[in-house]
Amino acid sequence: MKATAAPLHRPCPQELRLEIAQLERRLRTVGLDGDCAYERALSQAYDALLLQKRRELAAIRESGF
């Protein structure tokens, strides 16, 4: 029996805006310049996710949706 991959879910602009807002709130809570390596790594991870989500939103806008 062959497994099939589930179709990818593409978030709508509203979902992406909500995710971006949540990530921005979380980043403000953690801070941009944490006191320890863990906090700095977490801030960098949130920054990377924000960049990804903003790019996804820009791509949707450019495609006319």
Protein backbone atom coordinates (compact mmCIF):
# COMPACT_ATOMS: atom_id res chain seq x y z
CA MET A 1 0.00 0.00 0.00
CA LYS A 2 1.46 3.33 -1.06
CA ALA A 3 1.17 6.37 1.20
CA THR A 4 0.13 9.61 -0.42
CA ALA A 5 1.16 13.03 0.76
CA ALA A 6 -1.55 15.33 2.02
CA PRO A 7 -2.03 18.46 -0.03
CA LEU A 8 -0.22 21.48 1.35
CA HIS A 9 -2.33 24.06 3.09
CA ARG A 10 -1.60 27.58 1.89
CA PRO A 11 -2.52 30.12 4.51
CA CYS A 12 -4.72 33.01 3.50
CA PRO A 13 -3.53 36.60 4.04
CA GLN A 14 -5.62 36.95 7.21
CA GLU A 15 -4.02 33.83 8.73
CA LEU A 16 -0.56 35.12 7.88
CA ARG A 17 -1.29 38.54 9.41
CA LEU A 18 -2.47 36.83 12.60
CA GLU A 19 0.65 34.64 12.72
CA ILE A 20 2.86 37.68 12.16
CA ALA A 21 1.12 39.59 14.96
CA GLN A 22 1.54 36.63 17.33
CA LEU A 23 5.23 36.28 16.47
CA GLU A 24 5.80 40.02 16.93
CA ARG A 25 4.13 39.92 20.38
CA ARG A 26 6.20 36.91 21.36
CA LEU A 27 9.39 38.57 20.14
CA ARG A 28 8.63 41.68 22.21
CA THR A 29 8.09 39.44 25.24
CA VAL A 30 11.36 37.56 24.74
CA GLY A 31 13.27 40.68 23.78
CA LEU A 32 15.63 41.38 20.93
CA ASP A 33 18.83 41.05 22.91
CA GLY A 34 18.36 38.30 25.45
CA ASP A 35 20.60 37.93 28.45
CA CYS A 36 21.55 34.36 27.66
CA ALA A 37 22.32 32.28 24.60
CA TYR A 38 18.92 30.59 24.79
CA GLU A 39 17.06 33.92 24.64
CA ARG A 40 19.22 35.18 21.78
CA ALA A 41 18.66 31.94 19.85
CA LEU A 42 14.92 32.17 20.48
CA SER A 43 14.87 35.77 19.24
CA GLN A 44 16.74 34.74 16.11
CA ALA A 45 14.26 31.92 15.50
CA TYR A 46 11.31 34.32 15.83
CA ASP A 47 13.06 36.78 13.51
CA ALA A 48 13.50 34.02 10.91
CA LEU A 49 9.85 32.98 11.21
CA LEU A 50 8.72 36.59 10.88
CA LEU A 51 10.79 37.03 7.74
CA GLN A 52 9.33 33.82 6.27
CA LYS A 53 5.73 34.82 7.06
CA ARG A 54 6.23 38.33 5.69
CA ARG A 55 7.64 36.89 2.47
CA GLU A 56 4.69 34.51 2.16
CA LEU A 57 2.28 37.42 2.64
CA ALA A 58 4.15 39.51 0.05
CA ALA A 59 4.02 36.63 -2.43
CA ILE A 60 0.26 36.32 -1.96
CA ARG A 61 -0.18 40.04 -2.48
CA GLU A 62 1.97 39.99 -5.61
CA SER A 63 -0.07 37.14 -7.03
CA GLY A 64 -3.20 39.27 -6.81
CA PHE A 65 -5.02 37.69 -3.86
